C-alpha atoms as a PDB file:
ATOM      1  CA  ALA A   1      -0.164  -5.659  24.051  1.00  0.00           C
ATOM      2  CA  LEU A   2       2.940  -7.370  25.404  1.00  0.00           C
ATOM      3  CA  ILE A   3       1.003  -8.587  28.428  1.00  0.00           C
ATOM      4  CA  LEU A   4      -1.296 -10.437  26.044  1.00  0.00           C
ATOM      5  CA  TYR A   5       1.480 -11.595  23.727  1.00  0.00           C
ATOM      6  CA  PHE A   6       3.920 -13.262  26.109  1.00  0.00           C
ATOM      7  CA  PRO A   7       1.510 -15.977  27.357  1.00  0.00           C
ATOM      8  CA  ILE A   8       0.568 -17.021  23.810  1.00  0.00           C
ATOM      9  CA  ALA A   9       4.042 -16.663  22.243  1.00  0.00           C
ATOM     10  CA  PRO A  10       4.930 -20.343  22.825  1.00  0.00           C
ATOM     11  CA  LEU A  11       1.665 -21.359  21.137  1.00  0.00           C
ATOM     12  CA  LEU A  12       2.735 -19.348  18.084  1.00  0.00           C
ATOM     13  CA  GLY A  13       6.118 -21.068  18.014  1.00  0.00           C
ATOM     14  CA  GLU A  14       8.109 -18.133  19.329  1.00  0.00           C
ATOM     15  CA  ASN A  15      10.478 -17.999  22.258  1.00  0.00           C
ATOM     16  CA  PRO A  16       9.455 -15.211  24.675  1.00  0.00           C
ATOM     17  CA  SER A  17      13.093 -14.568  25.646  1.00  0.00           C
ATOM     18  CA  ASP A  18      13.973 -13.903  21.983  1.00  0.00           C
ATOM     19  CA  VAL A  19      11.114 -11.432  21.749  1.00  0.00           C
ATOM     20  CA  ALA A  20      12.206  -9.726  24.966  1.00  0.00           C
ATOM     21  CA  SER A  21      15.783  -9.390  23.728  1.00  0.00           C
ATOM     22  CA  SER A  22      14.675  -7.931  20.393  1.00  0.00           C
ATOM     23  CA  LEU A  23      12.519  -5.387  22.221  1.00  0.00           C
ATOM     24  CA  SER A  24      15.603  -4.046  23.967  1.00  0.00           C
ATOM     25  CA  GLU A  25      17.038  -2.941  20.613  1.00  0.00           C
ATOM     26  CA  GLY A  26      16.573   0.721  19.815  1.00  0.00           C
ATOM     27  CA  ASN A  27      15.122   0.279  16.347  1.00  0.00           C
ATOM     28  CA  VAL A  28      12.217  -1.840  17.606  1.00  0.00           C
ATOM     29  CA  ILE A  29      11.372   0.744  20.246  1.00  0.00           C
ATOM     30  CA  GLY A  30      11.562   3.484  17.607  1.00  0.00           C
ATOM     31  CA  LEU A  31       9.247   1.544  15.315  1.00  0.00           C
ATOM     32  CA  ALA A  32       6.782   0.993  18.139  1.00  0.00           C
ATOM     33  CA  ILE A  33       6.740   4.693  19.019  1.00  0.00           C
ATOM     34  CA  GLY A  34       6.456   5.666  15.357  1.00  0.00           C
ATOM     35  CA  TRP A  35       3.576   3.240  14.827  1.00  0.00           C
ATOM     36  CA  THR A  36       1.780   4.628  17.880  1.00  0.00           C
ATOM     37  CA  LEU A  37       2.164   8.191  16.592  1.00  0.00           C
ATOM     38  CA  LEU A  38       0.987   7.189  13.121  1.00  0.00           C
ATOM     39  CA  VAL A  39      -2.151   5.528  14.468  1.00  0.00           C
ATOM     40  CA  THR A  40      -2.833   8.517  16.728  1.00  0.00           C
ATOM     41  CA  VAL A  41      -2.472  11.057  13.913  1.00  0.00           C
ATOM     42  CA  THR A  42      -4.606   8.919  11.606  1.00  0.00           C
ATOM     43  CA  GLY A  43      -7.312   8.734  14.274  1.00  0.00           C
ATOM     44  CA  ILE A  44      -7.255  12.502  14.751  1.00  0.00           C
ATOM     45  CA  PHE A  45      -7.622  13.072  11.001  1.00  0.00           C
ATOM     46  CA  ASN A  46     -10.442  10.517  10.857  1.00  0.00           C
ATOM     47  CA  ILE A  47     -12.316  12.375  13.576  1.00  0.00           C
ATOM     48  CA  ALA A  48     -11.725  15.687  11.799  1.00  0.00           C
ATOM     49  CA  ALA A  49     -12.910  14.257   8.465  1.00  0.00           C
ATOM     50  CA  THR A  50     -16.066  12.904  10.096  1.00  0.00           C
ATOM     51  CA  ALA A  51     -16.769  16.296  11.684  1.00  0.00           C
ATOM     52  CA  VAL A  52     -16.435  18.071   8.338  1.00  0.00           C
ATOM     53  CA  THR A  53     -18.239  15.550   6.121  1.00  0.00           C
ATOM     54  CA  SER A  54     -19.863  12.351   7.373  1.00  0.00           C
ATOM     55  CA  SER A  55     -18.924   8.916   8.595  1.00  0.00           C
ATOM     56  CA  MET A  56     -19.934   7.509   5.189  1.00  0.00           C
ATOM     57  CA  THR A  57     -17.408   9.734   3.435  1.00  0.00           C
ATOM     58  CA  ARG A  58     -14.718   8.781   5.940  1.00  0.00           C
ATOM     59  CA  ASN A  59     -15.352   5.087   5.337  1.00  0.00           C
ATOM     60  CA  VAL A  60     -15.186   5.595   1.575  1.00  0.00           C
ATOM     61  CA  TRP A  61     -11.797   7.280   1.944  1.00  0.00           C
ATOM     62  CA  LYS A  62     -10.604   4.459   4.193  1.00  0.00           C
ATOM     63  CA  ASN A  63     -11.506   1.962   1.458  1.00  0.00           C
ATOM     64  CA  MET A  64      -9.728   4.074  -1.142  1.00  0.00           C
ATOM     65  CA  ARG A  65      -6.660   4.031   1.098  1.00  0.00           C
ATOM     66  CA  THR A  66      -6.811   0.226   0.993  1.00  0.00           C
ATOM     67  CA  LEU A  67      -6.954   0.384  -2.797  1.00  0.00           C
ATOM     68  CA  LEU A  68      -3.888   2.640  -2.809  1.00  0.00           C
ATOM     69  CA  VAL A  69      -1.990   0.172  -0.604  1.00  0.00           C
ATOM     70  CA  TRP A  70      -2.930  -2.697  -2.951  1.00  0.00           C
ATOM     71  CA  ILE A  71      -1.805  -0.760  -6.028  1.00  0.00           C
ATOM     72  CA  MET A  72       1.472   0.223  -4.335  1.00  0.00           C
ATOM     73  CA  GLY A  73       2.003  -3.438  -3.438  1.00  0.00           C
ATOM     74  CA  LEU A  74       1.584  -4.401  -7.087  1.00  0.00           C
ATOM     75  CA  ILE A  75       3.995  -1.667  -8.186  1.00  0.00           C
ATOM     76  CA  LEU A  76       6.603  -2.691  -5.606  1.00  0.00           C
ATOM     77  CA  PHE A  77       6.328  -6.358  -6.557  1.00  0.00           C
ATOM     78  CA  TYR A  78       6.882  -5.782 -10.262  1.00  0.00           C
ATOM     79  CA  ALA A  79       9.314  -2.840  -9.944  1.00  0.00           C
ATOM     80  CA  THR A  80      11.697  -4.689  -7.630  1.00  0.00           C
ATOM     81  CA  GLY A  81      11.180  -8.187  -8.987  1.00  0.00           C
ATOM     82  CA  SER A  82      11.351  -9.453  -5.405  1.00  0.00           C
ATOM     83  CA  SER A  83       8.722 -11.730  -3.943  1.00  0.00           C
ATOM     84  CA  GLU A  84       9.581 -10.279  -0.519  1.00  0.00           C
ATOM     85  CA  LEU A  85       8.059  -6.901  -1.392  1.00  0.00           C
ATOM     86  CA  GLY A  86       4.529  -6.285  -2.529  1.00  0.00           C
ATOM     87  CA  GLU A  87       2.001  -8.628  -4.033  1.00  0.00           C
ATOM     88  CA  GLY A  88       1.815 -10.085  -7.491  1.00  0.00           C
ATOM     89  CA  TRP A  89      -1.181 -10.220  -9.807  1.00  0.00           C
ATOM     90  CA  TYR A  90      -2.827 -13.552  -9.136  1.00  0.00           C
ATOM     91  CA  ILE A  91      -5.617 -15.048 -11.201  1.00  0.00           C
ATOM     92  CA  PRO A  92      -8.506 -15.114 -10.272  1.00  0.00           C
ATOM     93  CA  GLY A  93      -7.983 -13.408  -6.878  1.00  0.00           C
ATOM     94  CA  SER A  94      -6.735 -10.081  -8.227  1.00  0.00           C
ATOM     95  CA  PHE A  95      -9.672  -9.861 -10.620  1.00  0.00           C
ATOM     96  CA  PHE A  96     -12.049 -10.340  -7.692  1.00  0.00           C
ATOM     97  CA  ILE A  97     -10.314  -7.535  -5.797  1.00  0.00           C
ATOM     98  CA  LEU A  98     -10.520  -5.245  -8.826  1.00  0.00           C
ATOM     99  CA  LEU A  99     -14.183  -6.161  -9.390  1.00  0.00           C
ATOM    100  CA  SER A 100     -15.021  -5.442  -5.748  1.00  0.00           C
ATOM    101  CA  TYR A 101     -13.446  -1.997  -5.961  1.00  0.00           C
ATOM    102  CA  GLY A 102     -15.413  -1.396  -9.153  1.00  0.00           C
ATOM    103  CA  VAL A 103     -18.649  -2.294  -7.357  1.00  0.00           C
ATOM    104  CA  MET A 104     -17.680   0.026  -4.512  1.00  0.00           C
ATOM    105  CA  CYS A 105     -16.996   2.875  -6.944  1.00  0.00           C
ATOM    106  CA  VAL A 106     -20.376   2.355  -8.638  1.00  0.00           C
ATOM    107  CA  GLY A 107     -22.010   2.412  -5.188  1.00  0.00           C
ATOM    108  CA  ILE A 108     -20.179   5.639  -4.325  1.00  0.00           C
ATOM    109  CA  PHE A 109     -21.293   7.210  -7.601  1.00  0.00           C
ATOM    110  CA  ILE A 110     -24.921   6.194  -7.024  1.00  0.00           C
ATOM    111  CA  TYR A 111     -24.939   7.252  -3.364  1.00  0.00           C
ATOM    112  CA  TYR A 112     -23.372  10.666  -3.882  1.00  0.00           C
ATOM    113  CA  GLY A 113     -25.085  11.227  -7.227  1.00  0.00           C
ATOM    114  CA  LYS A 114     -28.550  10.785  -5.726  1.00  0.00           C
ATOM    115  CA  GLY A 115     -27.586  12.758  -2.623  1.00  0.00           C
ATOM    116  CA  ALA A 116     -26.416  15.702  -4.709  1.00  0.00           C
ATOM    117  CA  ARG A 117     -29.622  15.728  -6.801  1.00  0.00           C
ATOM    118  CA  ALA A 118     -31.888  15.393  -3.791  1.00  0.00           C
ATOM    119  CA  THR A 119     -30.621  18.587  -2.154  1.00  0.00           C
END
């Protein structure tokens, strides 16, 4: 990823030497290794979930994970009172997000409801 990043860093308004110096710090390397492990473990669990159920079920759970992240962002925003953490409730955008999750939940209910009756 760094091979791709360094040529475009000046276009993004960043100094490549600053990025290189921050990469030499231990905490950035630890975060990079931790992120790599997290993505690897998540991928392994996704493959296992698909093997046990179906790719449709895995995708539904991935969307529910997104809903959980959104809800946690709302909780963090209002619990800390800091605009640096989380996301506030914005009108009308947050209603659209909530409506879209409602539509998804209705679709899940219809899909799995009919599938359960058909077998």
